[in-house]
Protein backbone atom coordinates (compact mmCIF):
# COMPACT_ATOMS: atom_id res chain seq x y z
CA MET A 1 -25.27 0.53 -15.50
CA ASN A 2 -27.12 2.46 -13.33
CA ASN A 3 -24.69 4.54 -12.01
CA GLY A 4 -25.07 8.14 -12.59
CA ILE A 5 -22.42 10.13 -14.38
CA LEU A 6 -22.81 14.38 -14.89
CA VAL A 7 -20.95 15.48 -17.33
CA ILE A 8 -20.16 19.50 -17.25
CA ASP A 9 -18.62 20.99 -21.13
CA ASP A 10 -19.10 24.21 -22.28
CA SER A 11 -19.33 22.44 -26.15
CA GLU A 12 -22.82 20.87 -27.13
CA SER A 13 -20.98 18.74 -29.27
CA SER A 14 -18.49 17.78 -27.35
CA ARG A 15 -21.42 16.67 -24.23
CA LYS A 16 -23.15 14.53 -27.03
CA ASN A 17 -19.88 12.86 -28.49
CA LEU A 18 -19.12 11.79 -24.96
CA LYS A 19 -22.42 10.88 -24.13
CA ALA A 20 -22.42 8.68 -27.27
CA ILE A 21 -19.36 6.93 -26.01
CA LEU A 22 -20.58 6.33 -22.37
CA ALA A 23 -23.48 5.43 -23.78
CA GLY A 24 -21.26 2.37 -25.58
CA LEU A 25 -19.27 1.42 -22.70
CA GLY A 26 -22.31 0.92 -20.77
CA PHE A 27 -23.38 3.99 -19.17
CA ASN A 28 -26.83 4.81 -20.10
CA ASN A 29 -27.58 7.08 -17.14
CA VAL A 30 -25.80 10.67 -17.93
CA MET A 31 -26.83 13.82 -17.42
CA THR A 32 -25.20 17.08 -19.12
CA SER A 33 -25.01 20.50 -18.49
CA GLY A 34 -23.39 23.27 -20.43
CA ASP A 35 -21.96 25.37 -17.40
CA ALA A 36 -20.51 25.15 -13.50
CA SER A 37 -23.72 27.33 -12.30
CA GLU A 38 -26.29 25.07 -13.97
CA ALA A 39 -24.13 21.84 -13.02
CA MET A 40 -24.40 23.31 -9.19
CA SER A 41 -27.81 23.73 -8.89
CA ILE A 42 -28.78 20.72 -10.34
CA ILE A 43 -26.79 18.60 -7.66
CA GLN A 44 -27.75 21.52 -5.31
CA LYS A 45 -31.76 19.85 -5.91
CA ASP A 46 -30.79 16.18 -5.48
CA ALA A 47 -27.86 14.66 -3.87
CA THR A 48 -28.54 11.32 -5.68
CA THR A 49 -28.25 12.80 -9.27
CA ALA A 50 -24.62 11.66 -9.66
CA ASP A 51 -21.89 9.16 -8.57
CA LEU A 52 -19.15 10.51 -10.60
CA ILE A 53 -19.01 14.00 -12.47
CA LEU A 54 -16.65 14.30 -15.93
CA MET A 55 -15.63 17.94 -15.87
CA ASP A 56 -13.97 20.02 -19.13
CA LEU A 57 -10.85 21.42 -17.36
CA ASP A 58 -11.25 24.41 -19.10
CA LEU A 59 -15.02 24.83 -18.15
CA SER A 60 -15.28 28.50 -17.16
CA GLY A 61 -15.42 28.64 -13.30
CA GLY A 62 -14.65 24.89 -13.16
CA ILE A 63 -11.95 25.33 -10.36
CA GLU A 64 -14.48 27.15 -8.07
CA PHE A 65 -17.07 24.40 -8.83
CA CYS A 66 -14.30 21.53 -7.86
CA ALA A 67 -14.36 23.55 -4.61
CA SER A 68 -17.88 24.03 -4.13
CA VAL A 69 -18.74 20.58 -4.73
CA LYS A 70 -16.62 19.40 -2.05
CA SER A 71 -17.70 21.82 0.37
CA LEU A 72 -21.07 20.31 0.04
CA SER A 73 -21.49 17.11 3.06
CA ASP A 74 -23.12 14.87 0.35
CA TRP A 75 -20.74 15.18 -2.02
CA GLN A 76 -17.70 15.08 -0.77
CA ASP A 77 -17.38 11.62 -1.42
CA VAL A 78 -18.42 11.73 -5.34
CA PRO A 79 -15.55 11.43 -7.67
CA ILE A 80 -14.65 14.26 -10.02
CA LEU A 81 -12.57 13.77 -12.89
CA VAL A 82 -11.72 16.38 -15.00
CA MET A 83 -10.92 16.13 -19.16
CA GLN A 84 -7.75 17.73 -20.33
CA GLY A 85 -7.30 18.70 -24.05
CA THR A 86 -3.97 18.81 -25.43
CA GLY A 87 -4.53 22.43 -25.80
CA SER A 88 -5.92 23.02 -21.94
CA LYS A 89 -5.01 26.63 -21.09
CA ALA A 90 -6.24 25.53 -17.42
CA SER A 91 -4.11 24.54 -14.17
CA LEU A 92 -4.56 20.77 -13.76
CA SER A 93 -2.71 21.32 -10.44
CA GLU A 94 -5.37 23.78 -9.50
CA ALA A 95 -8.46 21.67 -10.40
CA LEU A 96 -6.70 19.09 -8.08
CA PHE A 97 -6.06 21.00 -5.15
CA ALA A 98 -9.67 22.19 -5.29
CA GLY A 99 -10.91 18.67 -5.17
CA ALA A 100 -10.65 16.90 -8.64
CA ASN A 101 -9.67 13.44 -7.62
CA ASP A 102 -8.22 12.65 -11.04
CA TYR A 103 -8.01 13.41 -14.89
CA VAL A 104 -8.57 11.50 -18.34
CA GLY A 105 -7.06 12.82 -21.73
CA LYS A 106 -8.99 13.98 -24.45
CA PRO A 107 -9.39 13.13 -27.30
CA PHE A 108 -10.47 9.68 -25.32
CA ASP A 109 -8.93 6.46 -25.20
CA ARG A 110 -12.01 4.21 -24.27
CA THR A 111 -10.47 1.23 -22.35
CA GLU A 112 -8.73 4.01 -20.34
CA LEU A 113 -11.75 5.93 -19.62
CA ARG A 114 -14.24 2.52 -18.88
CA VAL A 115 -11.03 1.60 -16.45
CA ARG A 116 -10.87 5.37 -14.76
CA ILE A 117 -14.86 5.61 -14.40
CA ASN A 118 -15.38 2.12 -12.92
CA ASN A 119 -12.31 2.30 -10.32
CA TYR A 120 -13.89 5.19 -8.91
CA LEU A 121 -17.28 4.04 -9.25
CA LEU A 122 -16.84 1.16 -7.03
CA LEU A 123 -14.63 3.00 -5.30
CA ARG A 124 -17.74 5.60 -4.83
CA SER A 125 -20.02 2.49 -4.14
CA GLU A 126 -17.91 1.14 -1.43
CA VAL A 127 -17.34 4.28 0.82
CA SER A 128 -21.69 4.98 0.42
CA ARG A 129 -21.54 1.47 1.95
CA ARG A 130 -18.73 2.33 4.44
CA CYS A 131 -20.80 5.80 5.28
CA ALA A 132 -24.36 4.14 5.72
CA THR A 133 -23.10 1.58 8.27
CA GLU A 134 -20.55 3.54 10.09
CA ARG A 135 -21.39 7.21 9.61
CA ASP A 136 -19.71 8.14 12.87
CA ARG A 137 -17.02 6.43 13.01
CA ARG A 138 -13.67 8.06 12.96
CA LEU A 139 -10.52 7.08 15.01
CA LYS A 140 -13.12 4.80 16.81
CA PRO A 141 -12.33 0.84 17.51
CA ALA A 142 -11.25 -1.04 14.51
CA PRO A 143 -13.20 -3.88 12.61
CA ARG A 144 -12.29 -6.91 14.61
CA ASN A 145 -12.03 -8.84 11.10
CA LEU A 146 -10.16 -7.45 8.49
CA ILE A 147 -11.30 -9.21 5.38
CA GLY A 148 -12.52 -6.13 3.38
CA SER A 149 -12.18 -3.72 0.54
CA PRO A 150 -8.43 -2.71 -0.38
CA GLU A 151 -9.97 0.50 -2.14
CA MET A 152 -9.22 3.82 -0.74
CA PRO A 153 -11.55 6.64 0.21
CA GLY A 154 -12.72 9.10 -2.02
CA LEU A 155 -10.81 12.02 -0.63
CA MET A 156 -7.23 10.18 -1.15
CA LEU A 157 -5.53 10.77 -4.20
CA GLY A 158 -3.88 7.82 -6.23
CA LYS A 159 0.13 7.93 -7.27
CA HIS A 160 -0.67 9.02 -10.77
CA GLY A 161 -3.27 12.01 -9.65
CA PHE A 162 -0.67 13.12 -6.82
CA LEU A 163 1.90 13.23 -9.09
CA ALA A 164 -0.26 15.02 -11.84
CA ALA A 165 -1.34 17.99 -9.54
CA LEU A 166 2.35 18.34 -8.57
CA LYS A 167 3.57 18.32 -12.14
CA GLY A 168 2.11 22.06 -12.36
CA LEU A 169 3.51 23.45 -9.43
CA SER A 170 5.27 26.84 -10.70
CA GLN A 171 8.66 27.41 -9.26
CA ARG A 172 7.69 30.06 -7.05
CA ALA A 173 5.69 27.69 -5.31
CA LEU A 174 8.20 25.03 -4.81
CA PRO A 175 9.95 26.61 -1.77
CA LYS A 176 6.80 26.32 -0.14
CA LEU A 177 6.19 22.50 -0.64
CA GLY A 178 7.08 20.03 1.86
CA TYR A 179 5.98 16.62 2.42
CA PHE A 180 5.25 13.94 5.00
CA ALA A 181 4.87 10.29 4.78
CA LEU A 182 3.84 7.19 6.34
CA ARG A 183 4.51 3.33 5.76
CA LEU A 184 2.98 0.26 7.37
CA ASN A 185 5.47 -1.63 8.47
CA PRO A 186 5.77 -4.39 5.57
CA ASN A 187 6.87 -7.00 8.30
CA VAL A 188 3.62 -6.61 10.14
CA ALA A 189 1.81 -9.10 7.92
CA ALA A 190 3.72 -11.32 8.84
CA ALA A 191 4.23 -11.03 12.39
CA VAL A 192 0.48 -11.45 12.36
CA GLY A 193 0.03 -14.18 9.77
CA ILE A 194 -2.50 -12.25 7.49
CA SER A 195 -3.26 -13.08 4.23
CA GLU A 196 -2.49 -10.80 0.89
CA PHE A 197 -5.70 -10.12 0.47
CA GLU A 198 -6.37 -8.92 4.06
CA THR A 199 -3.06 -6.82 3.87
CA GLU A 200 -4.89 -4.91 1.41
CA ALA A 201 -8.13 -4.55 3.64
CA LEU A 202 -5.44 -2.96 6.25
CA ILE A 203 -4.04 -1.04 3.88
CA GLY A 204 -7.36 0.21 2.89
CA TYR A 205 -8.64 0.82 6.43
CA LEU A 206 -5.16 2.97 7.22
CA GLY A 207 -6.35 5.33 4.09
CA GLU A 208 -9.60 5.77 5.83
CA GLN A 209 -7.84 6.98 8.91
CA ILE A 210 -5.81 9.12 7.00
CA ALA A 211 -8.42 10.43 4.57
CA THR A 212 -10.55 11.65 7.91
CA PHE A 213 -7.69 13.04 9.79
CA PRO A 214 -7.91 17.02 9.92
CA LEU A 215 -4.95 18.45 7.93
CA PRO A 216 -4.97 21.87 6.03
CA GLY A 217 -7.74 22.10 3.03
CA ALA A 218 -5.46 22.79 0.83
CA ASP A 219 -3.24 19.41 1.81
CA LEU A 220 -3.04 16.87 -0.67
CA VAL A 221 -2.96 13.02 0.29
CA ALA A 222 -1.87 10.36 -1.90
CA HIS A 223 -1.75 6.28 -1.37
CA TRP A 224 1.56 5.90 -2.84
CA GLN A 225 1.84 2.42 -3.02
CA ASP A 226 1.36 -0.79 -0.75
CA GLY A 227 1.16 0.51 2.59
CA THR A 228 2.70 3.86 1.88
CA PHE A 229 0.81 7.41 1.98
CA ILE A 230 2.02 10.60 1.17
CA CYS A 231 1.36 14.30 2.24
CA ALA A 232 1.95 17.52 0.36
CA SER A 233 1.63 20.68 1.56
CA LEU A 234 2.50 24.51 0.32
CA THR A 235 1.21 26.10 3.86
CA GLN A 236 2.72 23.65 6.13
CA ASP A 237 6.37 24.50 7.56
CA GLN A 238 8.76 21.47 8.77
CA PRO A 239 7.50 21.84 12.66
CA GLU A 240 3.63 21.60 11.59
CA LEU A 241 5.16 18.58 8.99
CA ALA A 242 6.57 16.80 11.89
CA ARG A 243 3.57 17.64 14.34
CA HIS A 244 0.94 15.92 11.78
CA ALA A 245 3.36 13.12 10.78
CA ALA A 246 3.92 12.44 14.46
CA LEU A 247 0.07 12.46 15.13
CA LEU A 248 -0.97 10.32 12.43
CA ASN A 249 1.69 7.97 13.18
CA ARG A 250 -0.04 7.80 17.02
CA ALA A 251 -3.35 7.68 15.74
CA LEU A 252 -2.66 4.81 12.91
CA THR A 253 -0.82 2.96 15.79
CA ASP A 254 -3.56 3.05 18.24
CA SER A 255 -6.09 2.02 15.47
CA LEU A 256 -4.20 -0.88 14.93
CA ASN A 257 -3.46 -1.84 18.46
CA LEU A 258 -7.41 -2.36 18.24
CA PHE A 259 -6.61 -5.53 16.45
CA PRO A 260 -6.03 -8.32 19.34
CA THR A 261 -3.31 -9.92 16.79
CA MET A 262 -1.40 -6.57 16.35
CA GLU A 263 -1.48 -5.35 20.06
CA GLU A 264 2.03 -6.69 20.70
CA VAL A 265 4.09 -5.56 17.48
CA SER A 266 6.36 -2.97 17.89
CA ASP A 267 6.93 -0.15 15.42
CA LYS A 268 4.00 -0.70 13.27
CA ILE A 269 4.15 2.48 11.48
CA ALA A 270 7.17 4.84 10.09
CA SER A 271 7.11 8.07 9.11
CA ALA A 272 9.14 11.05 7.69
CA THR A 273 9.21 14.45 6.69
CA ALA A 274 10.99 16.75 3.60
CA ALA A 275 10.90 20.52 4.89
CA PRO A 276 10.04 23.24 2.55
CA GLY A 277 13.19 24.70 1.10
CA SER A 278 14.99 21.24 1.56
CA PHE A 279 15.03 20.31 -2.41
CA GLU A 280 15.20 21.57 -5.61
CA THR A 281 12.30 19.81 -7.26
CA VAL A 282 9.47 18.00 -7.11
CA ALA A 283 10.55 14.79 -7.07
CA ASP A 284 13.72 15.39 -5.18
CA GLY A 285 11.25 16.24 -2.38
CA ILE A 286 9.59 12.69 -2.96
CA GLY A 287 12.63 10.84 -2.82
CA ASN A 288 13.88 12.43 0.13
CA VAL A 289 10.78 11.51 2.01
CA MET A 290 10.59 8.07 1.13
CA ARG A 291 14.38 7.38 1.62
CA ALA A 292 13.81 8.70 5.00
CA LEU A 293 11.13 5.98 5.55
CA GLU A 294 13.72 3.61 4.94
CA LEU A 295 15.92 4.55 7.75
CA ASP A 296 13.69 3.28 10.01
CA GLY A 297 15.56 1.89 13.11
CA LEU A 298 15.60 4.84 14.86
CA GLN A 299 12.75 4.86 12.45
CA THR A 300 9.69 3.74 12.64
CA GLY A 301 8.23 3.93 16.42
CA GLN A 302 11.51 5.82 17.47
CA MET A 303 11.10 8.11 14.69
CA ALA A 304 7.10 9.04 15.34
CA ALA A 305 8.33 10.04 19.27
CA TYR A 306 11.46 12.33 18.14
CA GLN A 307 9.16 13.77 16.10
CA LEU A 308 6.21 14.46 18.82
CA GLN A 309 9.41 15.66 20.95
CA ALA A 310 10.35 18.06 18.13
CA ALA A 311 6.82 19.63 17.66
CA ASN A 312 6.58 19.76 21.40
CA ILE A 313 4.39 17.40 22.13
CA PRO A 314 4.17 15.16 25.02
CA VAL A 315 4.96 11.38 24.14
CA PRO A 316 2.22 9.19 25.94
CA PRO A 317 3.98 5.83 27.61
CA ARG A 318 2.96 2.83 25.01
CA HIS A 319 0.39 0.72 26.50
């Protein structure tokens, strides 16, 4: 395999061991570094150095390294997997909030390691391909053909990484935590007669739109499952959460309206919020926002209109 992997670990024996493991899994293009500053020098010299970064969670300056990498335009879509040992002292949630995409446990389960790396390399490849051909596209006209990759963009966490990030949240920070969530109406696929694969491609397309939407930098955004997306924020109050949920709802709806077969389908996207201070645990907050998504009849499009009004945003007429 020619995909480049950059391994960063301050233990020379660990670097050699991981390089041997990766070679055994078929990854032979591996570069190693013993500290964050050296690794940053490597990637600043050459934007094609690596397609994926494996970093020890306890690396000195590792959190800052994650944030610095994600601030570089050529590296924003390069996945960072942090390696967490049983005795790790660093905060996994801090690393994920700083820009890491996921984590793998040490000692390594080789099957899990191979699957994680392959998944993120496939995602990286797809993101690079799309960026090359659609560099200027953000919330612009969608492709007329729904066939495509169901993969999520590199800035989007998966459910596993999202929960891992929130798991390390302190009780002191919990009152500041709020959520909003969005969901593609499951009846849309049946209404327009698209296949399961086309539905997955459509969900991937929505993930691209959400990943490029301007949200506070510290917010976590994840593809939860199927057509459901969730955002966790420690900086937004309830009006801000409602505003962003409503604006994203409208933006996604407008994007879907660019598909000729969907223009006449109403209430395509549902959105809901869970306000900071309205729940006692991380899980309760997620449960609240997911249950709110189920209340859609006043729900879906009508919920978005209500949220726009609540946030003092004019509700444009539907076309």
